[in-house]
Amino acid sequence: MPLTLSPEKKKHQPTIKLGRVLVVEDEGLISETIALALTDEGYDVIRAEDGRMALDVIHQLKEQESSGKLGMTLALPHQLRGRSLDLIILDLMLPYINGLDLCRLIRREGISVPILMLSAKGSETDRVVGLEVGADDYLTKPFGIRELVARCRALLRRHNQFQVQPEQPSLKFQDIALYPQECRITVRGEAVNFSPKEFKILELFMSYPRRVWSREQLLERIWGPDFIGDSKTVDVHIRWLREKLEVDPSSPTYLVTVRGFGYRFG
C-alpha cells in the first residue's frame, strides 16, 4: 500500500502549516481519525501502516534534508517533498517492525524528532519501557483525540523552544564540554550523541554545578508545566545521561543522586 496524505476535506484548510507529522498506525480508522484531526489543526500528515514503511519514509526524508535536494527516487507524496519531519506518532503494535524496535532504530541513528508512542498497554512498566527506548511521550488507547492533539502541540512547542535558544558560551566541567550553539557535547575528548532532552538536562546541570534539582523542578524546567506524565520520566533520562557521561554508570561521579531530594551535577 503506498504512502498517503491525510484525506482532503471540503472545509477550509489552514494555509500556514504548523509542522509535518508522520502517523505510523496499522489500524485504518485510528490512523484516518488522527490524520483528519491534525490536518484540521494545520499540520501536514504522512501516514504509514507498518514499521518498514515508516522507516523508509524517515530515511528518505533524512537523506533529502542532508542533501538539500528533492531526490528523483523519493516515493513521497509530492506535497511533502522538500520538507523535514517535525513529529512522529508511533503505534506500539505494528507489522514487520514493532513500535519499540522502530523507536530504538530511530534514536540509534541520531534522529531527534519528537516521538509520541501509542499503545493499548497502559501499565507503568509499559510506559517506562516506551520512554527508555526513546519516546518523548506515551499515550494509552483508547484516548481522546483532543488530548492527542494537545500532546502533539506540547511536544512541538518544547522542541521548537529548544531549537531557538539564545546564544550562550560553551560550558565545561572537568572532562565534559557542552557547546549550546553547536548542539554538541564532548566527553573525555570524544564527541557523544545526546537526544534534545538529554542535552537540555545536562545544560541545566552544568549551568548550576552542585545545585540539587528535584524531579518536579526538572519536569518544570525541561518538560514544561503542561507535561502529562510522571516523575519516572526524569529517572529514565538520568540513567541515559549516566551511561554516556560516567566511566562506571553504576557508581556515578558526575551525576549524583541526593537521596530524598533529587539529583546534583558535580
C-alpha atoms as a PDB file:
ATOM      1  CA  MET A   1       0.000   0.000   0.000  1.00  0.00           C
ATOM      2  CA  PRO A   2       1.509   3.388  -0.964  1.00  0.00           C
ATOM      3  CA  LEU A   3       2.100   6.238   1.425  1.00  0.00           C
ATOM      4  CA  THR A   4      -0.869   8.505   1.889  1.00  0.00           C
ATOM      5  CA  LEU A   5      -1.501  12.068   2.919  1.00  0.00           C
ATOM      6  CA  SER A   6      -4.306  12.839   5.315  1.00  0.00           C
ATOM      7  CA  PRO A   7      -7.637  12.797   3.420  1.00  0.00           C
ATOM      8  CA  GLU A   8      -8.752  16.026   1.807  1.00  0.00           C
ATOM      9  CA  LYS A   9     -11.803  17.715   3.272  1.00  0.00           C
ATOM     10  CA  LYS A  10     -14.097  20.255   1.691  1.00  0.00           C
ATOM     11  CA  LYS A  11     -13.868  22.594   4.643  1.00  0.00           C
ATOM     12  CA  HIS A  12     -11.283  25.364   4.621  1.00  0.00           C
ATOM     13  CA  GLN A  13      -7.763  24.129   5.376  1.00  0.00           C
ATOM     14  CA  PRO A  14      -5.244  26.335   7.211  1.00  0.00           C
ATOM     15  CA  THR A  15      -2.741  27.945   4.842  1.00  0.00           C
ATOM     16  CA  ILE A  16       0.025  28.202   7.454  1.00  0.00           C
ATOM     17  CA  LYS A  17       1.383  24.742   8.207  1.00  0.00           C
ATOM     18  CA  LEU A  18       2.419  24.161  11.819  1.00  0.00           C
ATOM     19  CA  GLY A  19       4.593  21.128  11.157  1.00  0.00           C
ATOM     20  CA  ARG A  20       4.956  17.763   9.415  1.00  0.00           C
ATOM     21  CA  VAL A  21       3.757  14.684  11.274  1.00  0.00           C
ATOM     22  CA  LEU A  22       4.317  11.018  10.446  1.00  0.00           C
ATOM     23  CA  VAL A  23       1.476   8.821  11.760  1.00  0.00           C
ATOM     24  CA  VAL A  24       2.543   5.171  11.991  1.00  0.00           C
ATOM     25  CA  GLU A  25      -0.603   3.154  12.734  1.00  0.00           C
ATOM     26  CA  ASP A  26      -1.864  -0.085  11.142  1.00  0.00           C
ATOM     27  CA  GLU A  27      -5.500   0.373  12.191  1.00  0.00           C
ATOM     28  CA  GLY A  28      -7.028   2.330   9.332  1.00  0.00           C
ATOM     29  CA  LEU A  29      -9.811   4.033  11.272  1.00  0.00           C
ATOM     30  CA  ILE A  30      -7.487   5.249  14.029  1.00  0.00           C
ATOM     31  CA  SER A  31      -4.907   6.420  11.501  1.00  0.00           C
ATOM     32  CA  GLU A  32      -7.503   8.309   9.477  1.00  0.00           C
ATOM     33  CA  THR A  33      -9.058   9.907  12.570  1.00  0.00           C
ATOM     34  CA  ILE A  34      -5.675  11.154  13.797  1.00  0.00           C
ATOM     35  CA  ALA A  35      -4.744  12.425  10.340  1.00  0.00           C
ATOM     36  CA  LEU A  36      -8.008  14.319   9.913  1.00  0.00           C
ATOM     37  CA  ALA A  37      -7.726  15.937  13.348  1.00  0.00           C
ATOM     38  CA  LEU A  38      -4.124  17.045  12.774  1.00  0.00           C
ATOM     39  CA  THR A  39      -4.872  18.278   9.266  1.00  0.00           C
ATOM     40  CA  ASP A  40      -7.733  20.399  10.643  1.00  0.00           C
ATOM     41  CA  GLU A  41      -5.276  21.877  13.161  1.00  0.00           C
ATOM     42  CA  GLY A  42      -2.897  22.920  10.372  1.00  0.00           C
ATOM     43  CA  TYR A  43      -0.374  20.084  10.203  1.00  0.00           C
ATOM     44  CA  ASP A  44       0.848  18.218   7.147  1.00  0.00           C
ATOM     45  CA  VAL A  45       0.415  14.499   7.733  1.00  0.00           C
ATOM     46  CA  ILE A  46       2.056  11.419   6.208  1.00  0.00           C
ATOM     47  CA  ARG A  47       0.526   8.036   7.072  1.00  0.00           C
ATOM     48  CA  ALA A  48       2.391   4.723   7.169  1.00  0.00           C
ATOM     49  CA  GLU A  49       0.717   1.427   8.041  1.00  0.00           C
ATOM     50  CA  ASP A  50       3.718  -0.619   9.200  1.00  0.00           C
ATOM     51  CA  GLY A  51       7.222  -0.258  10.639  1.00  0.00           C
ATOM     52  CA  ARG A  52       9.111  -0.910   7.413  1.00  0.00           C
ATOM     53  CA  MET A  53       7.148   1.721   5.523  1.00  0.00           C
ATOM     54  CA  ALA A  54       7.721   4.248   8.306  1.00  0.00           C
ATOM     55  CA  LEU A  55      11.460   3.570   8.368  1.00  0.00           C
ATOM     56  CA  ASP A  56      11.621   4.084   4.599  1.00  0.00           C
ATOM     57  CA  VAL A  57       9.892   7.473   4.953  1.00  0.00           C
ATOM     58  CA  ILE A  58      12.242   8.566   7.742  1.00  0.00           C
ATOM     59  CA  HIS A  59      15.338   7.520   5.785  1.00  0.00           C
ATOM     60  CA  GLN A  60      14.153   9.266   2.641  1.00  0.00           C
ATOM     61  CA  LEU A  61      13.370  12.495   4.466  1.00  0.00           C
ATOM     62  CA  LYS A  62      16.722  12.342   6.284  1.00  0.00           C
ATOM     63  CA  GLU A  63      18.569  11.812   3.002  1.00  0.00           C
ATOM     64  CA  GLN A  64      16.569  14.593   1.377  1.00  0.00           C
ATOM     65  CA  GLU A  65      17.339  17.015   4.205  1.00  0.00           C
ATOM     66  CA  SER A  66      21.065  16.230   4.303  1.00  0.00           C
ATOM     67  CA  SER A  67      21.484  16.521   0.525  1.00  0.00           C
ATOM     68  CA  GLY A  68      19.334  19.631   0.201  1.00  0.00           C
ATOM     69  CA  LYS A  69      17.744  18.156  -2.902  1.00  0.00           C
ATOM     70  CA  LEU A  70      14.322  16.737  -3.675  1.00  0.00           C
ATOM     71  CA  GLY A  71      15.706  13.478  -4.984  1.00  0.00           C
ATOM     72  CA  MET A  72      14.014  11.958  -8.014  1.00  0.00           C
ATOM     73  CA  THR A  73      13.828   8.493  -6.452  1.00  0.00           C
ATOM     74  CA  LEU A  74      11.799   9.502  -3.391  1.00  0.00           C
ATOM     75  CA  ALA A  75       8.410   7.770  -3.193  1.00  0.00           C
ATOM     76  CA  LEU A  76       6.889  10.537  -1.080  1.00  0.00           C
ATOM     77  CA  PRO A  77       3.705  12.423  -1.977  1.00  0.00           C
ATOM     78  CA  HIS A  78       4.794  15.480  -3.968  1.00  0.00           C
ATOM     79  CA  GLN A  79       3.188  17.855  -1.436  1.00  0.00           C
ATOM     80  CA  LEU A  80       5.673  16.732   1.226  1.00  0.00           C
ATOM     81  CA  ARG A  81       8.898  16.622  -0.755  1.00  0.00           C
ATOM     82  CA  GLY A  82      11.491  19.104   0.372  1.00  0.00           C
ATOM     83  CA  ARG A  83      10.044  19.312   3.891  1.00  0.00           C
ATOM     84  CA  SER A  84      11.533  17.941   7.083  1.00  0.00           C
ATOM     85  CA  LEU A  85       9.729  15.844   9.702  1.00  0.00           C
ATOM     86  CA  ASP A  86       8.686  17.518  12.967  1.00  0.00           C
ATOM     87  CA  LEU A  87       6.867  14.780  14.907  1.00  0.00           C
ATOM     88  CA  ILE A  88       6.254  11.021  14.816  1.00  0.00           C
ATOM     89  CA  ILE A  89       3.118   9.414  16.248  1.00  0.00           C
ATOM     90  CA  LEU A  90       4.063   5.768  16.651  1.00  0.00           C
ATOM     91  CA  ASP A  91       1.823   2.808  17.483  1.00  0.00           C
ATOM     92  CA  LEU A  92       3.445   0.101  19.587  1.00  0.00           C
ATOM     93  CA  MET A  93       1.986  -2.949  17.812  1.00  0.00           C
ATOM     94  CA  LEU A  94       2.956  -2.798  14.122  1.00  0.00           C
ATOM     95  CA  PRO A  95       3.601  -5.340  11.351  1.00  0.00           C
ATOM     96  CA  TYR A  96       7.215  -6.158  10.339  1.00  0.00           C
ATOM     97  CA  ILE A  97       8.932  -3.773  12.781  1.00  0.00           C
ATOM     98  CA  ASN A  98       7.142  -3.087  16.057  1.00  0.00           C
ATOM     99  CA  GLY A  99       6.998   0.352  17.638  1.00  0.00           C
ATOM    100  CA  LEU A 100       9.649  -0.294  20.292  1.00  0.00           C
ATOM    101  CA  ASP A 101      12.197  -1.596  17.788  1.00  0.00           C
ATOM    102  CA  LEU A 102      11.430   1.217  15.367  1.00  0.00           C
ATOM    103  CA  CYS A 103      11.894   3.792  18.127  1.00  0.00           C
ATOM    104  CA  ARG A 104      15.251   2.213  19.044  1.00  0.00           C
ATOM    105  CA  LEU A 105      16.384   2.332  15.414  1.00  0.00           C
ATOM    106  CA  ILE A 106      15.383   5.979  15.060  1.00  0.00           C
ATOM    107  CA  ARG A 107      17.291   7.049  18.173  1.00  0.00           C
ATOM    108  CA  ARG A 108      20.296   4.845  17.332  1.00  0.00           C
ATOM    109  CA  GLU A 109      20.644   6.774  14.076  1.00  0.00           C
ATOM    110  CA  GLY A 110      20.781  10.059  15.979  1.00  0.00           C
ATOM    111  CA  ILE A 111      17.365  11.283  14.788  1.00  0.00           C
ATOM    112  CA  SER A 112      15.952  13.614  17.447  1.00  0.00           C
ATOM    113  CA  VAL A 113      12.415  14.132  16.082  1.00  0.00           C
ATOM    114  CA  PRO A 114       9.905  14.054  18.991  1.00  0.00           C
ATOM    115  CA  ILE A 115       8.050  10.731  19.246  1.00  0.00           C
ATOM    116  CA  LEU A 116       4.590  10.211  20.761  1.00  0.00           C
ATOM    117  CA  MET A 117       4.047   6.495  21.345  1.00  0.00           C
ATOM    118  CA  LEU A 118       0.533   4.971  21.264  1.00  0.00           C
ATOM    119  CA  SER A 119      -0.344   1.674  22.876  1.00  0.00           C
ATOM    120  CA  ALA A 120      -3.193  -0.348  24.325  1.00  0.00           C
ATOM    121  CA  LYS A 121      -0.722  -1.384  27.045  1.00  0.00           C
ATOM    122  CA  GLY A 122      -1.026   1.141  29.814  1.00  0.00           C
ATOM    123  CA  SER A 123       0.858  -0.333  32.763  1.00  0.00           C
ATOM    124  CA  GLU A 124       3.655   1.621  34.421  1.00  0.00           C
ATOM    125  CA  THR A 125       6.207  -0.891  33.123  1.00  0.00           C
ATOM    126  CA  ASP A 126       4.999  -0.468  29.534  1.00  0.00           C
ATOM    127  CA  ARG A 127       5.192   3.323  29.787  1.00  0.00           C
ATOM    128  CA  VAL A 128       8.685   3.216  31.264  1.00  0.00           C
ATOM    129  CA  VAL A 129       9.901   0.833  28.534  1.00  0.00           C
ATOM    130  CA  GLY A 130       8.489   3.142  25.867  1.00  0.00           C
ATOM    131  CA  LEU A 131      10.314   6.126  27.360  1.00  0.00           C
ATOM    132  CA  GLU A 132      13.519   4.133  27.835  1.00  0.00           C
ATOM    133  CA  VAL A 133      13.790   3.269  24.146  1.00  0.00           C
ATOM    134  CA  GLY A 134      13.483   6.934  23.169  1.00  0.00           C
ATOM    135  CA  ALA A 135       9.849   8.058  23.105  1.00  0.00           C
ATOM    136  CA  ASP A 136       9.189  11.589  24.374  1.00  0.00           C
ATOM    137  CA  ASP A 137       5.609  10.909  25.454  1.00  0.00           C
ATOM    138  CA  TYR A 138       3.267   7.928  25.815  1.00  0.00           C
ATOM    139  CA  LEU A 139      -0.500   7.817  25.282  1.00  0.00           C
ATOM    140  CA  THR A 140      -2.659   4.823  26.167  1.00  0.00           C
ATOM    141  CA  LYS A 141      -5.511   3.613  23.934  1.00  0.00           C
ATOM    142  CA  PRO A 142      -8.358   4.392  23.915  1.00  0.00           C
ATOM    143  CA  PHE A 143      -7.608   8.100  24.011  1.00  0.00           C
ATOM    144  CA  GLY A 144      -9.469  11.306  23.279  1.00  0.00           C
ATOM    145  CA  ILE A 145      -8.475  12.993  20.040  1.00  0.00           C
ATOM    146  CA  ARG A 146      -8.348  16.397  21.770  1.00  0.00           C
ATOM    147  CA  GLU A 147      -5.800  15.058  24.243  1.00  0.00           C
ATOM    148  CA  LEU A 148      -3.692  13.633  21.410  1.00  0.00           C
ATOM    149  CA  VAL A 149      -3.700  16.972  19.577  1.00  0.00           C
ATOM    150  CA  ALA A 150      -2.802  18.785  22.811  1.00  0.00           C
ATOM    151  CA  ARG A 151       0.123  16.440  23.417  1.00  0.00           C
ATOM    152  CA  CYS A 152       1.323  16.993  19.844  1.00  0.00           C
ATOM    153  CA  ARG A 153       1.216  20.747  20.353  1.00  0.00           C
ATOM    154  CA  ALA A 154       3.128  20.468  23.619  1.00  0.00           C
ATOM    155  CA  LEU A 155       5.832  18.224  22.115  1.00  0.00           C
ATOM    156  CA  LEU A 156       6.335  20.522  19.144  1.00  0.00           C
ATOM    157  CA  ARG A 157       6.338  23.633  21.317  1.00  0.00           C
ATOM    158  CA  ARG A 158       9.012  22.249  23.630  1.00  0.00           C
ATOM    159  CA  HIS A 159      11.084  21.001  20.698  1.00  0.00           C
ATOM    160  CA  ASN A 160      10.867  24.366  18.915  1.00  0.00           C
ATOM    161  CA  GLN A 161      11.806  26.250  22.070  1.00  0.00           C
ATOM    162  CA  PHE A 162      14.907  24.116  22.325  1.00  0.00           C
ATOM    163  CA  GLN A 163      15.779  24.808  18.685  1.00  0.00           C
ATOM    164  CA  VAL A 164      15.763  28.597  19.129  1.00  0.00           C
ATOM    165  CA  GLN A 165      17.616  29.016  22.413  1.00  0.00           C
ATOM    166  CA  PRO A 166      19.624  32.254  22.616  1.00  0.00           C
ATOM    167  CA  GLU A 167      23.361  32.179  22.094  1.00  0.00           C
ATOM    168  CA  GLN A 168      25.362  31.053  25.101  1.00  0.00           C
ATOM    169  CA  PRO A 169      29.065  30.393  25.721  1.00  0.00           C
ATOM    170  CA  SER A 170      30.326  26.845  25.991  1.00  0.00           C
ATOM    171  CA  LEU A 171      30.077  25.092  29.362  1.00  0.00           C
ATOM    172  CA  LYS A 172      32.914  22.961  30.707  1.00  0.00           C
ATOM    173  CA  PHE A 173      33.249  20.764  33.789  1.00  0.00           C
ATOM    174  CA  GLN A 174      36.363  18.622  34.188  1.00  0.00           C
ATOM    175  CA  ASP A 175      36.464  16.494  31.011  1.00  0.00           C
ATOM    176  CA  ILE A 176      32.926  17.322  29.802  1.00  0.00           C
ATOM    177  CA  ALA A 177      32.335  20.213  27.382  1.00  0.00           C
ATOM    178  CA  LEU A 178      28.939  21.397  26.115  1.00  0.00           C
ATOM    179  CA  TYR A 179      28.561  23.780  23.151  1.00  0.00           C
ATOM    180  CA  PRO A 180      24.970  25.160  23.068  1.00  0.00           C
ATOM    181  CA  GLN A 181      25.115  26.801  19.643  1.00  0.00           C
ATOM    182  CA  GLU A 182      26.548  23.682  18.024  1.00  0.00           C
ATOM    183  CA  CYS A 183      24.306  21.268  19.962  1.00  0.00           C
ATOM    184  CA  ARG A 184      27.473  19.335  20.627  1.00  0.00           C
ATOM    185  CA  ILE A 185      28.932  17.600  23.682  1.00  0.00           C
ATOM    186  CA  THR A 186      32.336  16.025  24.158  1.00  0.00           C
ATOM    187  CA  VAL A 187      33.149  13.579  26.946  1.00  0.00           C
ATOM    188  CA  ARG A 188      36.821  12.885  27.638  1.00  0.00           C
ATOM    189  CA  GLY A 189      37.661  14.446  24.302  1.00  0.00           C
ATOM    190  CA  GLU A 190      35.231  12.322  22.276  1.00  0.00           C
ATOM    191  CA  ALA A 191      32.013  13.601  20.646  1.00  0.00           C
ATOM    192  CA  VAL A 192      28.916  11.867  22.077  1.00  0.00           C
ATOM    193  CA  ASN A 193      25.378  11.965  20.672  1.00  0.00           C
ATOM    194  CA  PHE A 194      22.649  13.215  23.016  1.00  0.00           C
ATOM    195  CA  SER A 195      18.895  13.496  22.474  1.00  0.00           C
ATOM    196  CA  PRO A 196      17.385  17.007  22.774  1.00  0.00           C
ATOM    197  CA  LYS A 197      16.026  16.230  26.247  1.00  0.00           C
ATOM    198  CA  GLU A 198      19.361  14.822  27.434  1.00  0.00           C
ATOM    199  CA  PHE A 199      21.141  17.879  26.041  1.00  0.00           C
ATOM    200  CA  LYS A 200      18.808  20.289  27.844  1.00  0.00           C
ATOM    201  CA  ILE A 201      19.074  18.422  31.152  1.00  0.00           C
ATOM    202  CA  LEU A 202      22.874  18.372  31.016  1.00  0.00           C
ATOM    203  CA  GLU A 203      22.983  22.049  30.007  1.00  0.00           C
ATOM    204  CA  LEU A 204      20.837  22.918  33.040  1.00  0.00           C
ATOM    205  CA  PHE A 205      23.023  20.850  35.378  1.00  0.00           C
ATOM    206  CA  MET A 206      26.259  22.322  34.012  1.00  0.00           C
ATOM    207  CA  SER A 207      24.859  25.856  34.293  1.00  0.00           C
ATOM    208  CA  TYR A 208      24.288  25.296  38.043  1.00  0.00           C
ATOM    209  CA  PRO A 209      27.008  22.888  39.244  1.00  0.00           C
ATOM    210  CA  ARG A 210      26.414  21.263  42.639  1.00  0.00           C
ATOM    211  CA  ARG A 211      22.852  22.566  42.828  1.00  0.00           C
ATOM    212  CA  VAL A 212      20.333  19.875  43.788  1.00  0.00           C
ATOM    213  CA  TRP A 213      17.324  19.591  41.470  1.00  0.00           C
ATOM    214  CA  SER A 214      14.188  17.675  42.464  1.00  0.00           C
ATOM    215  CA  ARG A 215      12.321  15.604  39.892  1.00  0.00           C
ATOM    216  CA  GLU A 216       9.463  18.113  39.962  1.00  0.00           C
ATOM    217  CA  GLN A 217      11.843  21.024  39.288  1.00  0.00           C
ATOM    218  CA  LEU A 218      13.411  19.180  36.357  1.00  0.00           C
ATOM    219  CA  LEU A 219       9.995  18.360  34.895  1.00  0.00           C
ATOM    220  CA  GLU A 220       9.012  22.014  35.175  1.00  0.00           C
ATOM    221  CA  ARG A 221      12.234  23.360  33.617  1.00  0.00           C
ATOM    222  CA  ILE A 222      12.765  20.748  30.861  1.00  0.00           C
ATOM    223  CA  TRP A 223       9.340  19.316  30.010  1.00  0.00           C
ATOM    224  CA  GLY A 224       7.293  22.388  30.883  1.00  0.00           C
ATOM    225  CA  PRO A 225       4.214  22.948  33.068  1.00  0.00           C
ATOM    226  CA  ASP A 226       1.869  21.271  30.575  1.00  0.00           C
ATOM    227  CA  PHE A 227       3.711  17.929  30.642  1.00  0.00           C
ATOM    228  CA  ILE A 228       1.352  14.988  31.169  1.00  0.00           C
ATOM    229  CA  GLY A 229       3.221  12.126  32.801  1.00  0.00           C
ATOM    230  CA  ASP A 230       5.009  11.049  35.953  1.00  0.00           C
ATOM    231  CA  SER A 231       8.384  11.736  37.533  1.00  0.00           C
ATOM    232  CA  LYS A 232       9.829   8.391  36.405  1.00  0.00           C
ATOM    233  CA  THR A 233      10.492  10.106  33.072  1.00  0.00           C
ATOM    234  CA  VAL A 234      13.250  12.055  34.857  1.00  0.00           C
ATOM    235  CA  ASP A 235      14.814   8.877  36.273  1.00  0.00           C
ATOM    236  CA  VAL A 236      14.913   7.306  32.819  1.00  0.00           C
ATOM    237  CA  HIS A 237      16.721  10.300  31.310  1.00  0.00           C
ATOM    238  CA  ILE A 238      19.172  10.484  34.222  1.00  0.00           C
ATOM    239  CA  ARG A 239      20.068   6.829  33.614  1.00  0.00           C
ATOM    240  CA  TRP A 240      20.678   7.551  29.921  1.00  0.00           C
ATOM    241  CA  LEU A 241      22.900  10.514  30.818  1.00  0.00           C
ATOM    242  CA  ARG A 242      24.958   8.433  33.224  1.00  0.00           C
ATOM    243  CA  GLU A 243      25.531   5.800  30.559  1.00  0.00           C
ATOM    244  CA  LYS A 244      27.022   8.474  28.298  1.00  0.00           C
ATOM    245  CA  LEU A 245      28.911  10.529  30.909  1.00  0.00           C
ATOM    246  CA  GLU A 246      30.193   8.161  33.551  1.00  0.00           C
ATOM    247  CA  VAL A 247      33.128   5.789  33.362  1.00  0.00           C
ATOM    248  CA  ASP A 248      31.095   3.495  35.632  1.00  0.00           C
ATOM    249  CA  PRO A 249      27.365   4.365  35.433  1.00  0.00           C
ATOM    250  CA  SER A 250      26.628   2.159  38.457  1.00  0.00           C
ATOM    251  CA  SER A 251      28.926   4.347  40.560  1.00  0.00           C
ATOM    252  CA  PRO A 252      28.391   7.883  39.181  1.00  0.00           C
ATOM    253  CA  THR A 253      30.781  10.724  39.937  1.00  0.00           C
ATOM    254  CA  TYR A 254      29.254  13.454  37.761  1.00  0.00           C
ATOM    255  CA  LEU A 255      25.509  12.964  38.108  1.00  0.00           C
ATOM    256  CA  VAL A 256      24.911  12.100  41.754  1.00  0.00           C
ATOM    257  CA  THR A 257      21.688  11.096  43.492  1.00  0.00           C
ATOM    258  CA  VAL A 258      20.962  13.086  46.643  1.00  0.00           C
ATOM    259  CA  ARG A 259      18.610  10.736  48.442  1.00  0.00           C
ATOM    260  CA  GLY A 260      15.312  12.274  49.429  1.00  0.00           C
ATOM    261  CA  PHE A 261      15.953  15.430  47.384  1.00  0.00           C
ATOM    262  CA  GLY A 262      16.883  14.731  43.748  1.00  0.00           C
ATOM    263  CA  TYR A 263      19.986  14.967  41.574  1.00  0.00           C
ATOM    264  CA  ARG A 264      23.168  17.037  41.584  1.00  0.00           C
ATOM    265  CA  PHE A 265      25.881  17.563  38.981  1.00  0.00           C
ATOM    266  CA  GLY A 266      29.431  17.689  40.309  1.00  0.00           C
END
